[in-house]
N, C-alpha and C. Protein backbone atom coordinates (compact mmCIF):
# COMPACT_ATOMS: atom_id res chain seq x y z
N MET A 1 57.86 317.09 -21.86
CA MET A 1 58.33 316.71 -23.18
C MET A 1 56.86 316.77 -24.18
N ASP A 2 56.42 317.92 -24.35
CA ASP A 2 55.24 317.90 -25.21
C ASP A 2 55.33 318.25 -26.61
N GLY A 3 54.55 317.71 -27.45
CA GLY A 3 54.18 318.25 -28.72
C GLY A 3 54.76 317.00 -29.63
N ASN A 4 54.83 315.74 -29.24
CA ASN A 4 55.39 314.69 -29.94
C ASN A 4 54.10 314.43 -31.10
N GLY A 5 52.91 314.41 -30.33
CA GLY A 5 51.91 314.00 -31.71
C GLY A 5 51.66 314.99 -32.55
N ARG A 6 51.77 316.39 -32.21
CA ARG A 6 51.49 317.26 -33.28
C ARG A 6 52.78 317.41 -34.27
N TRP A 7 53.76 317.10 -33.66
CA TRP A 7 54.91 317.00 -34.80
C TRP A 7 54.82 315.90 -35.71
N ALA A 8 54.40 314.80 -35.24
CA ALA A 8 54.01 313.64 -36.13
C ALA A 8 52.90 314.03 -37.14
N THR A 9 51.71 314.64 -36.48
CA THR A 9 50.63 315.15 -37.47
C THR A 9 51.10 316.21 -38.51
N GLN A 10 51.98 317.11 -38.19
CA GLN A 10 52.50 318.08 -39.19
C GLN A 10 53.00 317.28 -40.21
N ARG A 11 53.67 316.17 -40.17
CA ARG A 11 54.39 315.49 -41.30
C ARG A 11 53.56 314.18 -41.75
N GLY A 12 52.23 314.24 -41.29
CA GLY A 12 51.41 313.20 -42.02
C GLY A 12 51.73 311.87 -41.40
N ARG A 13 52.25 311.76 -40.17
CA ARG A 13 52.53 310.54 -39.71
C ARG A 13 51.67 310.28 -38.57
N PRO A 14 51.68 309.04 -38.03
CA PRO A 14 50.90 308.71 -36.77
C PRO A 14 51.58 309.22 -35.42
N ARG A 15 50.78 309.38 -34.70
CA ARG A 15 51.26 310.04 -33.36
C ARG A 15 52.38 309.12 -32.62
N LEU A 16 52.53 308.04 -32.71
CA LEU A 16 53.66 307.28 -32.24
C LEU A 16 54.80 307.26 -32.90
N PHE A 17 54.66 307.82 -34.03
CA PHE A 17 56.06 308.30 -34.75
C PHE A 17 56.79 309.47 -34.10
N GLY A 18 55.79 310.26 -33.64
CA GLY A 18 56.36 311.47 -33.02
C GLY A 18 56.87 311.14 -31.63
N HIS A 19 56.13 310.18 -30.93
CA HIS A 19 56.62 309.80 -29.67
C HIS A 19 58.23 308.97 -29.88
N ARG A 20 58.38 308.25 -30.78
CA ARG A 20 59.53 307.77 -31.01
C ARG A 20 60.74 308.58 -31.37
N ALA A 21 60.20 309.91 -32.05
CA ALA A 21 61.19 310.83 -32.28
C ALA A 21 61.75 311.53 -31.18
N GLY A 22 60.42 311.67 -30.19
CA GLY A 22 60.77 312.41 -28.83
C GLY A 22 61.64 311.64 -28.16
N ALA A 23 61.61 310.33 -28.04
CA ALA A 23 62.60 309.51 -27.20
C ALA A 23 63.99 309.55 -27.72
N LYS A 24 64.27 309.70 -29.05
CA LYS A 24 65.59 309.74 -29.51
C LYS A 24 66.14 311.30 -29.24
N ARG A 25 65.38 312.25 -28.64
CA ARG A 25 66.04 313.60 -28.25
C ARG A 25 66.47 313.59 -26.87
N VAL A 26 65.72 312.38 -26.19
CA VAL A 26 66.13 312.51 -24.64
C VAL A 26 67.71 312.28 -24.47
N ARG A 27 68.34 311.36 -25.13
CA ARG A 27 69.82 311.24 -24.95
C ARG A 27 70.35 312.65 -25.10
N GLU A 28 70.26 313.22 -26.16
CA GLU A 28 70.94 314.54 -26.51
C GLU A 28 70.87 315.54 -25.30
N VAL A 29 69.53 315.64 -24.98
CA VAL A 29 69.57 316.53 -23.78
C VAL A 29 70.07 316.25 -22.52
N VAL A 30 70.15 314.77 -22.17
CA VAL A 30 70.71 314.24 -20.85
C VAL A 30 72.33 314.44 -21.05
N GLU A 31 72.94 314.04 -22.27
CA GLU A 31 74.14 314.14 -22.44
C GLU A 31 74.80 315.63 -22.37
N SER A 32 73.95 316.60 -22.54
CA SER A 32 74.52 318.02 -22.47
C SER A 32 74.39 318.64 -21.08
N CYS A 33 73.72 317.83 -20.62
CA CYS A 33 73.61 318.52 -18.96
C CYS A 33 74.93 318.88 -18.00
N PRO A 34 76.04 318.08 -18.36
CA PRO A 34 77.23 318.52 -17.65
C PRO A 34 77.87 319.71 -18.20
N ASP A 35 77.59 319.97 -19.77
CA ASP A 35 78.20 320.97 -20.15
C ASP A 35 77.56 322.52 -19.84
N VAL A 36 76.29 322.40 -19.48
CA VAL A 36 75.68 323.50 -19.01
C VAL A 36 75.35 323.60 -17.42
N GLY A 37 75.88 322.81 -16.75
CA GLY A 37 75.82 322.88 -15.36
C GLY A 37 74.72 322.15 -14.73
N VAL A 38 73.93 321.28 -15.33
CA VAL A 38 72.59 320.85 -14.70
C VAL A 38 72.94 319.43 -14.15
N GLU A 39 73.04 319.33 -12.90
CA GLU A 39 73.22 318.09 -12.21
C GLU A 39 71.99 317.09 -12.08
N TYR A 40 70.73 317.78 -12.13
CA TYR A 40 69.59 317.19 -11.81
C TYR A 40 68.57 317.58 -12.94
N LEU A 41 68.11 316.50 -13.60
CA LEU A 41 67.05 316.52 -14.79
C LEU A 41 66.00 315.65 -14.54
N THR A 42 64.80 316.13 -14.53
CA THR A 42 63.60 315.31 -14.71
C THR A 42 62.80 315.61 -15.79
N ILE A 43 62.37 314.19 -16.48
CA ILE A 43 61.49 314.42 -17.64
C ILE A 43 60.06 313.77 -17.48
N PHE A 44 59.32 314.42 -17.98
CA PHE A 44 57.79 314.16 -17.85
C PHE A 44 57.25 313.28 -19.09
N ALA A 45 57.50 311.75 -18.64
CA ALA A 45 57.34 310.81 -19.94
C ALA A 45 55.91 310.50 -20.02
N PHE A 46 55.08 310.39 -18.90
CA PHE A 46 53.65 309.65 -18.93
C PHE A 46 52.97 310.19 -17.78
N SER A 47 51.84 310.84 -17.94
CA SER A 47 51.25 311.36 -16.72
C SER A 47 49.91 310.54 -16.45
N THR A 48 49.56 310.42 -15.09
CA THR A 48 48.29 309.90 -14.83
C THR A 48 47.06 310.08 -15.38
N GLU A 49 47.05 311.18 -16.21
CA GLU A 49 46.02 311.65 -17.24
C GLU A 49 46.21 311.03 -18.42
N ASN A 50 47.39 310.60 -18.90
CA ASN A 50 47.64 310.28 -20.35
C ASN A 50 46.80 308.67 -20.52
N TRP A 51 46.45 308.00 -19.40
CA TRP A 51 45.54 306.90 -19.66
C TRP A 51 44.43 307.10 -20.30
N ARG A 52 44.02 308.65 -20.40
CA ARG A 52 42.62 308.73 -21.26
C ARG A 52 42.88 308.73 -22.74
N ARG A 53 43.98 308.43 -23.42
CA ARG A 53 44.50 308.46 -24.66
C ARG A 53 43.73 307.32 -25.31
N THR A 54 43.95 307.11 -26.49
CA THR A 54 43.30 305.82 -27.08
C THR A 54 44.15 304.66 -26.80
N GLN A 55 43.38 303.71 -26.74
CA GLN A 55 44.15 302.17 -26.33
C GLN A 55 45.34 301.78 -27.22
N THR A 56 45.44 302.35 -28.33
CA THR A 56 46.51 302.13 -29.30
C THR A 56 47.76 302.89 -28.91
N GLU A 57 47.44 304.17 -28.81
CA GLU A 57 48.59 305.12 -28.30
C GLU A 57 49.14 304.63 -26.97
N VAL A 58 48.31 304.29 -25.89
CA VAL A 58 48.80 303.90 -24.59
C VAL A 58 49.64 302.78 -24.82
N ALA A 59 49.09 301.82 -25.68
CA ALA A 59 49.84 300.47 -25.81
C ALA A 59 51.01 300.71 -26.28
N GLY A 60 50.96 301.61 -27.51
CA GLY A 60 52.19 301.84 -28.15
C GLY A 60 53.31 302.67 -27.32
N LEU A 61 52.81 303.45 -26.38
CA LEU A 61 53.67 304.22 -25.48
C LEU A 61 54.44 303.23 -24.37
N MET A 62 53.83 302.26 -23.98
CA MET A 62 54.14 301.40 -23.13
C MET A 62 55.29 300.53 -23.64
N SER A 63 54.94 300.08 -24.92
CA SER A 63 56.10 299.46 -25.56
C SER A 63 57.41 300.25 -26.14
N LEU A 64 57.07 301.42 -26.36
CA LEU A 64 58.25 302.16 -26.33
C LEU A 64 58.91 302.32 -25.00
N PHE A 65 58.30 302.64 -23.96
CA PHE A 65 58.87 302.82 -22.74
C PHE A 65 59.98 301.53 -22.47
N ARG A 66 59.46 300.22 -22.70
CA ARG A 66 60.14 299.05 -22.51
C ARG A 66 61.14 299.08 -23.51
N MET A 67 61.03 299.60 -24.82
CA MET A 67 62.05 299.48 -25.82
C MET A 67 63.25 300.21 -25.47
N TYR A 68 62.81 301.57 -25.11
CA TYR A 68 63.75 302.56 -24.54
C TYR A 68 64.55 302.20 -23.38
N ILE A 69 64.13 301.83 -22.44
CA ILE A 69 64.90 301.30 -21.45
C ILE A 69 65.88 300.21 -21.70
N SER A 70 65.30 299.25 -22.47
CA SER A 70 66.14 298.08 -22.81
C SER A 70 67.32 298.74 -23.58
N ARG A 71 67.16 299.41 -24.90
CA ARG A 71 68.08 299.95 -25.62
C ARG A 71 69.14 301.05 -24.90
N GLU A 72 68.64 301.72 -24.14
CA GLU A 72 69.46 302.83 -23.60
C GLU A 72 70.17 302.74 -22.22
N ALA A 73 69.93 301.60 -21.56
CA ALA A 73 70.36 301.27 -20.21
C ALA A 73 71.68 301.28 -20.31
N ARG A 74 72.43 300.64 -21.31
CA ARG A 74 74.05 300.71 -21.11
C ARG A 74 74.27 301.93 -21.46
N ALA A 75 74.04 302.54 -22.49
CA ALA A 75 74.27 303.91 -22.74
C ALA A 75 74.55 304.94 -21.60
N LEU A 76 73.38 304.87 -21.03
CA LEU A 76 72.99 305.76 -19.82
C LEU A 76 74.00 305.47 -18.66
N ASP A 77 74.18 304.23 -18.52
CA ASP A 77 75.06 303.71 -17.43
C ASP A 77 76.51 304.01 -17.74
N GLU A 78 77.01 303.85 -19.27
CA GLU A 78 78.42 304.24 -19.43
C GLU A 78 78.51 305.81 -19.38
N PHE A 79 77.54 306.59 -19.64
CA PHE A 79 77.61 308.05 -19.64
C PHE A 79 77.71 308.62 -17.89
N GLY A 80 77.32 307.93 -17.14
CA GLY A 80 77.46 308.06 -15.71
C GLY A 80 76.12 308.58 -15.29
N ALA A 81 74.97 308.33 -15.78
CA ALA A 81 73.79 308.88 -15.33
C ALA A 81 73.00 308.05 -14.18
N ARG A 82 72.69 308.69 -13.11
CA ARG A 82 71.93 307.89 -12.20
C ARG A 82 70.33 308.12 -12.50
N VAL A 83 69.84 306.86 -12.70
CA VAL A 83 68.33 307.05 -13.22
C VAL A 83 67.34 306.52 -12.15
N ARG A 84 66.51 307.41 -11.85
CA ARG A 84 65.43 307.08 -10.97
C ARG A 84 63.90 307.21 -11.85
N PHE A 85 62.91 306.61 -11.35
CA PHE A 85 61.57 306.84 -11.83
C PHE A 85 60.78 307.16 -10.67
N ILE A 86 59.69 308.10 -10.93
CA ILE A 86 59.12 308.71 -9.97
C ILE A 86 57.47 308.49 -10.56
N GLY A 87 56.53 308.27 -9.70
CA GLY A 87 55.11 307.96 -10.07
C GLY A 87 54.67 306.66 -9.38
N ASP A 88 53.07 306.32 -9.70
CA ASP A 88 52.46 305.20 -9.34
C ASP A 88 52.85 304.13 -9.95
N ARG A 89 53.54 303.03 -9.65
CA ARG A 89 54.07 301.98 -10.52
C ARG A 89 53.09 300.80 -10.64
N VAL A 90 51.81 300.78 -9.55
CA VAL A 90 50.93 300.00 -9.36
C VAL A 90 50.21 299.41 -10.82
N LYS A 91 50.08 300.62 -11.58
CA LYS A 91 49.10 300.42 -12.86
C LYS A 91 49.98 300.09 -13.98
N LEU A 92 51.23 299.90 -13.96
CA LEU A 92 52.35 299.57 -15.10
C LEU A 92 52.47 298.09 -15.10
N ASP A 93 52.56 297.31 -16.26
CA ASP A 93 52.85 296.12 -16.38
C ASP A 93 54.15 295.81 -15.76
N ALA A 94 54.07 294.59 -15.25
CA ALA A 94 55.32 293.77 -14.80
C ALA A 94 56.50 293.86 -15.20
N LYS A 95 56.56 293.57 -16.65
CA LYS A 95 57.85 293.69 -17.55
C LYS A 95 58.24 295.11 -17.39
N LEU A 96 57.63 296.13 -17.57
CA LEU A 96 58.15 297.52 -17.54
C LEU A 96 58.68 297.75 -16.11
N VAL A 97 57.80 297.44 -14.99
CA VAL A 97 58.36 297.67 -13.86
C VAL A 97 59.93 297.22 -13.53
N LYS A 98 59.86 295.97 -13.90
CA LYS A 98 61.07 295.18 -13.66
C LYS A 98 62.13 295.88 -14.56
N LEU A 99 62.10 296.26 -15.78
CA LEU A 99 63.20 297.06 -16.38
C LEU A 99 63.61 298.17 -15.69
N MET A 100 62.55 299.00 -15.03
CA MET A 100 62.51 300.25 -14.40
C MET A 100 63.39 299.85 -13.08
N ASP A 101 63.13 298.91 -12.33
CA ASP A 101 63.94 298.34 -11.08
C ASP A 101 65.47 298.19 -11.49
N ASP A 102 65.52 297.37 -12.51
CA ASP A 102 66.81 297.03 -13.16
C ASP A 102 67.69 298.15 -13.30
N LEU A 103 67.09 299.21 -14.01
CA LEU A 103 67.91 300.40 -14.64
C LEU A 103 68.17 301.28 -13.23
N GLU A 104 67.43 301.25 -12.20
CA GLU A 104 67.82 302.06 -11.22
C GLU A 104 69.14 301.45 -10.46
N VAL A 105 68.93 299.93 -10.17
CA VAL A 105 70.03 299.30 -9.55
C VAL A 105 71.41 299.54 -10.33
N LEU A 106 71.24 299.19 -11.82
CA LEU A 106 72.44 299.36 -12.39
C LEU A 106 73.15 300.84 -12.47
N THR A 107 72.54 301.83 -12.21
CA THR A 107 72.85 303.10 -12.22
C THR A 107 73.08 303.88 -10.90
N GLN A 108 72.92 302.94 -10.02
CA GLN A 108 72.71 303.65 -8.40
C GLN A 108 74.00 304.48 -8.06
N ASN A 109 75.15 303.87 -8.84
CA ASN A 109 76.31 304.61 -7.94
C ASN A 109 77.06 305.43 -9.05
N ASN A 110 76.07 306.07 -10.11
CA ASN A 110 76.53 307.05 -11.13
C ASN A 110 76.28 308.48 -10.46
N THR A 111 77.00 309.38 -11.04
CA THR A 111 77.03 310.85 -10.53
C THR A 111 77.14 311.86 -11.52
N SER A 112 77.32 311.61 -12.67
CA SER A 112 77.53 312.81 -13.84
C SER A 112 76.29 313.46 -13.95
N VAL A 113 75.16 312.77 -14.09
CA VAL A 113 73.81 313.47 -14.03
C VAL A 113 72.80 312.80 -13.25
N HIS A 114 71.82 313.15 -12.42
CA HIS A 114 71.00 312.73 -11.79
C HIS A 114 69.63 312.68 -12.58
N LEU A 115 69.24 311.64 -13.44
CA LEU A 115 68.01 311.54 -14.35
C LEU A 115 66.86 311.06 -13.77
N THR A 116 66.01 311.86 -13.55
CA THR A 116 64.57 311.31 -13.15
C THR A 116 63.55 311.27 -14.12
N ILE A 117 62.81 310.04 -14.14
CA ILE A 117 61.69 309.86 -15.43
C ILE A 117 60.55 309.82 -14.59
N ALA A 118 59.50 310.77 -14.96
CA ALA A 118 58.29 310.62 -14.14
C ALA A 118 57.47 309.90 -15.09
N LEU A 119 56.92 308.61 -14.53
CA LEU A 119 56.16 307.63 -15.55
C LEU A 119 55.11 307.34 -14.83
N ASN A 120 53.81 307.55 -15.23
CA ASN A 120 52.28 307.41 -14.69
C ASN A 120 52.62 308.11 -13.49
N TYR A 121 53.04 309.49 -13.71
CA TYR A 121 53.00 310.49 -12.64
C TYR A 121 51.94 311.51 -12.86
N GLY A 122 51.65 312.14 -11.48
CA GLY A 122 50.76 313.28 -11.75
C GLY A 122 51.00 313.89 -10.24
N GLY A 123 51.20 315.27 -10.23
CA GLY A 123 51.60 315.97 -8.93
C GLY A 123 50.46 315.65 -7.91
N ARG A 124 49.15 315.62 -8.24
CA ARG A 124 47.99 315.68 -7.31
C ARG A 124 48.18 314.16 -6.73
N ASP A 125 48.23 313.27 -7.58
CA ASP A 125 48.36 311.77 -7.18
C ASP A 125 49.36 311.73 -6.37
N GLU A 126 50.54 312.34 -6.58
CA GLU A 126 51.81 311.97 -5.77
C GLU A 126 51.45 312.61 -4.29
N VAL A 127 51.05 313.91 -4.09
CA VAL A 127 50.45 314.39 -2.89
C VAL A 127 49.52 313.49 -2.22
N ALA A 128 48.61 313.03 -2.80
CA ALA A 128 47.59 312.09 -2.27
C ALA A 128 48.16 310.81 -1.59
N ARG A 129 49.07 310.47 -2.48
CA ARG A 129 49.71 309.02 -1.96
C ARG A 129 50.57 309.39 -0.72
N ALA A 130 51.36 310.49 -0.86
CA ALA A 130 52.34 310.92 0.32
C ALA A 130 51.55 311.18 1.63
N THR A 131 50.26 311.94 1.32
CA THR A 131 49.46 312.28 2.60
C THR A 131 48.71 310.92 3.03
N LYS A 132 48.54 309.99 2.27
CA LYS A 132 47.99 308.63 2.94
C LYS A 132 49.18 307.97 3.73
N ARG A 133 50.56 308.08 2.93
CA ARG A 133 51.43 307.37 3.94
C ARG A 133 51.64 308.21 5.28
N LEU A 134 51.72 309.35 5.19
CA LEU A 134 51.86 310.45 6.32
C LEU A 134 50.74 310.07 7.28
N ALA A 135 49.47 309.91 7.04
CA ALA A 135 48.32 309.58 7.85
C ALA A 135 48.50 308.23 8.47
N GLN A 136 48.86 307.29 7.73
CA GLN A 136 49.41 305.97 8.49
C GLN A 136 50.36 305.95 9.46
N ASP A 137 51.38 306.85 9.31
CA ASP A 137 52.45 307.18 10.33
C ASP A 137 51.92 307.58 11.54
N VAL A 138 50.93 308.62 11.37
CA VAL A 138 50.25 309.24 12.44
C VAL A 138 49.41 308.55 13.19
N ALA A 139 48.59 307.69 12.35
CA ALA A 139 47.74 306.63 12.95
C ALA A 139 48.34 305.52 13.80
N SER A 140 49.64 305.05 13.37
CA SER A 140 50.21 304.15 13.92
C SER A 140 51.24 304.59 15.26
N GLY A 141 51.25 306.05 15.46
CA GLY A 141 51.91 306.57 16.58
C GLY A 141 53.22 306.92 16.13
N ASN A 142 53.64 306.65 14.92
CA ASN A 142 55.28 307.12 14.48
C ASN A 142 55.31 308.42 14.23
N LEU A 143 54.43 309.32 14.28
CA LEU A 143 54.28 310.67 13.89
C LEU A 143 53.36 311.44 14.60
N LYS A 144 53.56 312.55 15.27
CA LYS A 144 52.69 313.11 15.99
C LYS A 144 52.08 314.30 15.22
N PRO A 145 50.78 314.44 15.41
CA PRO A 145 50.16 315.57 14.41
C PRO A 145 50.78 316.87 14.56
N GLU A 146 51.10 317.14 15.64
CA GLU A 146 51.70 318.66 15.90
C GLU A 146 53.13 318.68 15.21
N ASP A 147 53.59 317.57 14.81
CA ASP A 147 55.16 317.62 14.00
C ASP A 147 54.78 317.51 12.54
N VAL A 148 53.58 317.57 11.94
CA VAL A 148 53.38 317.78 10.63
C VAL A 148 53.36 319.22 10.16
N ASP A 149 54.31 319.40 9.21
CA ASP A 149 54.49 320.87 8.75
C ASP A 149 54.90 320.75 7.33
N GLU A 150 55.12 321.80 6.61
CA GLU A 150 55.84 321.92 5.37
C GLU A 150 57.09 321.33 5.09
N GLU A 151 57.77 321.05 6.23
CA GLU A 151 59.16 320.23 5.90
C GLU A 151 58.83 318.70 6.00
N THR A 152 57.79 318.38 6.62
CA THR A 152 57.41 316.92 6.91
C THR A 152 56.90 316.41 5.52
N LEU A 153 56.03 316.89 4.89
CA LEU A 153 55.06 316.19 3.82
C LEU A 153 56.32 315.91 2.63
N PRO A 154 57.32 316.73 2.43
CA PRO A 154 58.07 316.42 1.36
C PRO A 154 58.94 315.07 1.59
N LYS A 155 59.03 314.68 2.74
CA LYS A 155 59.79 313.42 3.30
C LYS A 155 59.01 312.26 2.37
N TYR A 156 57.69 312.37 2.32
CA TYR A 156 56.83 311.26 1.83
C TYR A 156 56.69 311.28 0.35
N LEU A 157 57.24 312.41 -0.33
CA LEU A 157 56.89 312.46 -1.74
C LEU A 157 57.81 311.67 -2.49
N ASP A 158 57.51 311.34 -3.77
CA ASP A 158 58.31 310.46 -4.51
C ASP A 158 59.78 311.08 -4.80
N THR A 159 59.87 312.32 -4.76
CA THR A 159 61.06 313.06 -5.05
C THR A 159 61.96 313.36 -3.55
N CYS A 160 61.70 312.58 -2.59
CA CYS A 160 62.10 312.81 -1.20
C CYS A 160 63.79 312.91 -1.25
N VAL A 161 64.41 312.26 -2.04
CA VAL A 161 65.81 312.49 -2.13
C VAL A 161 66.48 313.25 -3.27
N LEU A 162 65.61 313.92 -3.63
CA LEU A 162 66.06 314.99 -4.74
C LEU A 162 65.64 316.55 -4.56
N PRO A 163 66.48 317.46 -4.90
CA PRO A 163 66.20 318.90 -4.51
C PRO A 163 65.01 319.38 -5.48
N ASP A 164 64.42 320.32 -4.99
CA ASP A 164 63.52 320.92 -5.74
C ASP A 164 63.81 321.50 -7.16
N PRO A 165 63.03 321.75 -8.01
CA PRO A 165 63.57 322.21 -9.39
C PRO A 165 63.79 323.57 -9.43
N ASP A 166 64.77 324.16 -10.12
CA ASP A 166 65.06 325.43 -10.08
C ASP A 166 64.26 326.09 -11.51
N LEU A 167 64.27 325.24 -12.56
CA LEU A 167 63.76 325.70 -13.80
C LEU A 167 62.93 324.52 -14.31
N VAL A 168 61.63 324.98 -14.77
CA VAL A 168 60.84 324.08 -15.47
C VAL A 168 60.53 324.60 -16.79
N ILE A 169 60.87 323.51 -17.79
CA ILE A 169 60.78 324.23 -19.18
C ILE A 169 59.42 323.37 -19.91
N ARG A 170 58.42 324.05 -20.34
CA ARG A 170 57.17 323.38 -21.00
C ARG A 170 57.34 323.58 -22.53
N THR A 171 57.55 322.67 -23.13
CA THR A 171 57.60 322.82 -24.53
C THR A 171 56.11 322.94 -25.40
N SER A 172 56.22 323.35 -26.61
CA SER A 172 55.09 322.93 -27.37
C SER A 172 54.10 324.08 -27.40
N GLY A 173 54.39 325.21 -26.81
CA GLY A 173 53.51 326.40 -26.89
C GLY A 173 52.40 326.30 -25.92
N GLU A 174 52.16 325.35 -24.95
CA GLU A 174 51.13 325.34 -23.93
C GLU A 174 51.59 326.05 -22.68
N ALA A 175 50.88 326.85 -22.28
CA ALA A 175 51.10 327.69 -21.04
C ALA A 175 50.43 327.31 -19.86
N ARG A 176 50.71 326.06 -19.35
CA ARG A 176 50.29 325.58 -18.12
C ARG A 176 51.05 324.42 -17.64
N ILE A 177 51.13 323.86 -16.49
CA ILE A 177 52.21 323.18 -15.95
C ILE A 177 51.62 321.50 -15.92
N SER A 178 50.38 321.25 -16.16
CA SER A 178 49.82 320.21 -16.56
C SER A 178 50.20 319.08 -15.38
N ASN A 179 50.09 319.23 -14.08
CA ASN A 179 50.18 318.54 -12.78
C ASN A 179 51.70 317.93 -12.58
N PHE A 180 52.53 318.64 -12.81
CA PHE A 180 54.14 318.43 -13.03
C PHE A 180 54.56 318.90 -11.67
N LEU A 181 55.03 318.20 -10.65
CA LEU A 181 55.74 318.62 -9.64
C LEU A 181 55.13 319.71 -8.81
N LEU A 182 53.74 319.68 -8.49
CA LEU A 182 53.09 320.66 -7.96
C LEU A 182 53.65 321.12 -6.75
N TRP A 183 53.98 320.41 -5.61
CA TRP A 183 54.61 320.89 -4.62
C TRP A 183 56.01 321.30 -4.76
N GLN A 184 56.74 320.78 -5.51
CA GLN A 184 58.25 320.85 -5.57
C GLN A 184 58.57 322.16 -6.30
N SER A 185 57.47 322.47 -7.19
CA SER A 185 57.91 323.83 -8.10
C SER A 185 57.48 325.10 -7.62
N ALA A 186 57.10 324.98 -6.44
CA ALA A 186 56.45 326.33 -5.84
C ALA A 186 57.35 327.58 -6.07
N TYR A 187 58.67 327.64 -6.01
CA TYR A 187 59.28 328.52 -6.43
C TYR A 187 60.45 328.40 -7.45
N ALA A 188 59.82 327.65 -8.34
CA ALA A 188 60.69 327.16 -9.55
C ALA A 188 60.65 328.39 -10.57
N GLU A 189 61.42 328.48 -11.38
CA GLU A 189 61.30 329.41 -12.58
C GLU A 189 60.71 328.70 -13.74
N TYR A 190 60.08 329.40 -14.66
CA TYR A 190 59.37 328.76 -15.71
C TYR A 190 59.88 329.51 -17.02
N GLU A 191 59.86 328.35 -18.24
CA GLU A 191 60.01 328.86 -19.55
C GLU A 191 59.02 328.23 -20.30
N PHE A 192 57.97 328.97 -20.95
CA PHE A 192 57.18 328.32 -21.78
C PHE A 192 57.55 328.45 -23.37
N ILE A 193 57.71 327.68 -24.11
CA ILE A 193 58.48 327.69 -25.33
C ILE A 193 57.61 327.12 -26.44
N ASP A 194 57.70 327.64 -27.80
CA ASP A 194 56.90 327.22 -28.70
C ASP A 194 57.22 325.84 -29.47
N THR A 195 58.69 325.54 -29.36
CA THR A 195 59.19 324.14 -29.83
C THR A 195 58.55 323.01 -29.38
N LEU A 196 58.20 322.27 -30.41
CA LEU A 196 57.73 320.81 -30.15
C LEU A 196 59.05 319.92 -29.58
N TRP A 197 58.68 319.13 -28.91
CA TRP A 197 59.62 318.27 -28.23
C TRP A 197 60.76 317.65 -29.14
N PRO A 198 60.33 317.09 -30.19
CA PRO A 198 61.31 316.35 -31.06
C PRO A 198 62.11 317.43 -31.70
N ASP A 199 61.82 318.70 -31.81
CA ASP A 199 62.81 319.71 -32.21
C ASP A 199 63.65 320.45 -31.40
N PHE A 200 63.54 319.96 -30.01
CA PHE A 200 64.29 320.73 -28.89
C PHE A 200 65.75 320.27 -28.98
N THR A 201 66.56 321.16 -28.89
CA THR A 201 67.96 320.78 -29.08
C THR A 201 68.75 321.11 -27.89
N LYS A 202 70.05 320.60 -27.77
CA LYS A 202 70.76 321.13 -27.01
C LYS A 202 71.19 322.44 -26.84
N GLU A 203 71.01 323.04 -28.00
CA GLU A 203 71.44 324.44 -28.02
C GLU A 203 70.43 325.23 -27.38
N GLU A 204 69.26 324.72 -27.76
CA GLU A 204 67.94 325.74 -27.08
C GLU A 204 68.08 325.46 -25.48
N PHE A 205 68.19 324.24 -25.14
CA PHE A 205 68.46 323.77 -23.68
C PHE A 205 69.37 324.85 -22.97
N ALA A 206 70.83 324.76 -23.70
CA ALA A 206 71.87 325.61 -23.01
C ALA A 206 71.40 327.04 -23.06
N ARG A 207 70.54 327.58 -23.90
CA ARG A 207 70.18 329.06 -24.00
C ARG A 207 69.14 329.36 -23.03
N LEU A 208 68.34 328.35 -22.64
CA LEU A 208 67.37 328.55 -21.56
C LEU A 208 67.92 328.37 -20.21
N CYS A 209 68.95 327.61 -20.20
CA CYS A 209 69.72 327.55 -18.83
C CYS A 209 70.48 328.72 -18.56
N ALA A 210 71.10 329.38 -19.58
CA ALA A 210 71.77 330.44 -19.52
C ALA A 210 70.84 331.47 -19.13
N SER A 211 69.68 331.82 -19.77
CA SER A 211 68.66 332.62 -19.27
C SER A 211 68.37 332.49 -17.97
N TYR A 212 68.12 331.50 -17.49
CA TYR A 212 67.68 331.14 -16.12
C TYR A 212 68.59 331.67 -14.97
N GLY A 213 70.03 331.59 -15.80
CA GLY A 213 71.14 332.09 -14.65
C GLY A 213 70.97 333.51 -14.43
N GLY A 214 70.50 334.32 -15.21
CA GLY A 214 70.42 335.77 -15.11
C GLY A 214 69.02 336.16 -14.28
N ARG A 215 68.44 335.34 -14.07
CA ARG A 215 67.03 335.77 -13.34
C ARG A 215 67.32 336.03 -11.81
N ASP A 216 66.82 336.94 -11.23
CA ASP A 216 66.63 337.26 -9.85
C ASP A 216 65.58 336.62 -8.95
N ARG A 217 66.29 335.53 -8.13
CA ARG A 217 65.26 334.95 -7.46
C ARG A 217 65.22 335.13 -5.98
N ARG A 218 64.30 335.69 -5.56
CA ARG A 218 64.05 336.19 -4.19
C ARG A 218 63.44 335.41 -3.22
N PHE A 219 62.60 334.23 -3.72
CA PHE A 219 61.91 333.34 -2.72
C PHE A 219 60.98 334.22 -1.71
N GLY A 220 60.35 335.07 -2.44
CA GLY A 220 59.27 335.94 -1.43
C GLY A 220 60.02 336.98 -0.92
N GLY A 221 61.28 337.21 -0.82
CA GLY A 221 61.78 338.09 0.08
C GLY A 221 62.36 339.48 -0.87
N VAL A 222 63.08 340.22 -0.26
CA VAL A 222 63.72 341.51 -1.15
C VAL A 222 65.20 341.69 -1.05
N LYS A 223 65.76 342.23 -2.00
CA LYS A 223 67.09 342.53 -2.01
C LYS A 223 67.61 343.50 -0.97
N THR A 224 68.44 343.31 -0.19
CA THR A 224 68.90 344.15 0.85
C THR A 224 70.15 344.86 0.31
């Protein structure tokens, strides 16, 4: 969900103004998922690299996350969204983690859309943490080294209960994936668009999903 800061700067406002506008856009996209046939939606809210931003912006984002979860919890539950969080929670403050835990419990039986929020998430960090847990199981004798293959590691990833993404949308004109779902997106389709996230509408989301539906996905094979 990139482009919040630039969207605000273009309007002569502080970057946090853009982040607040971007947060409001999330509900519209989430609620449009059933209409376009999307069962699983993952949004990238804060990366492991975002801690490099100014202390003021980081503190403002953490406050925004707490406020968003508090305000949107009931609406997400009533809509039927199942909410999960991925990423390393160790560096997050206790109040935010408690809100995240409570929202996951509140929505655990919902099925209308599976919403995953990547918070303090990085693809390399995720793989490193997964590999560490896998190595611990090998060391303890719970896993044989010869049994480790490309089907084993995903069981240790944050997304172990989720399907791999079919489509990754990168907003704001940047043509890079920025450490997002590196393992899981090996065969995802990509859309790099110029739209800044606060301007991203459900109509554009529907158009991109429709475009994805017309793609020929061969996963390394050929048509017979």
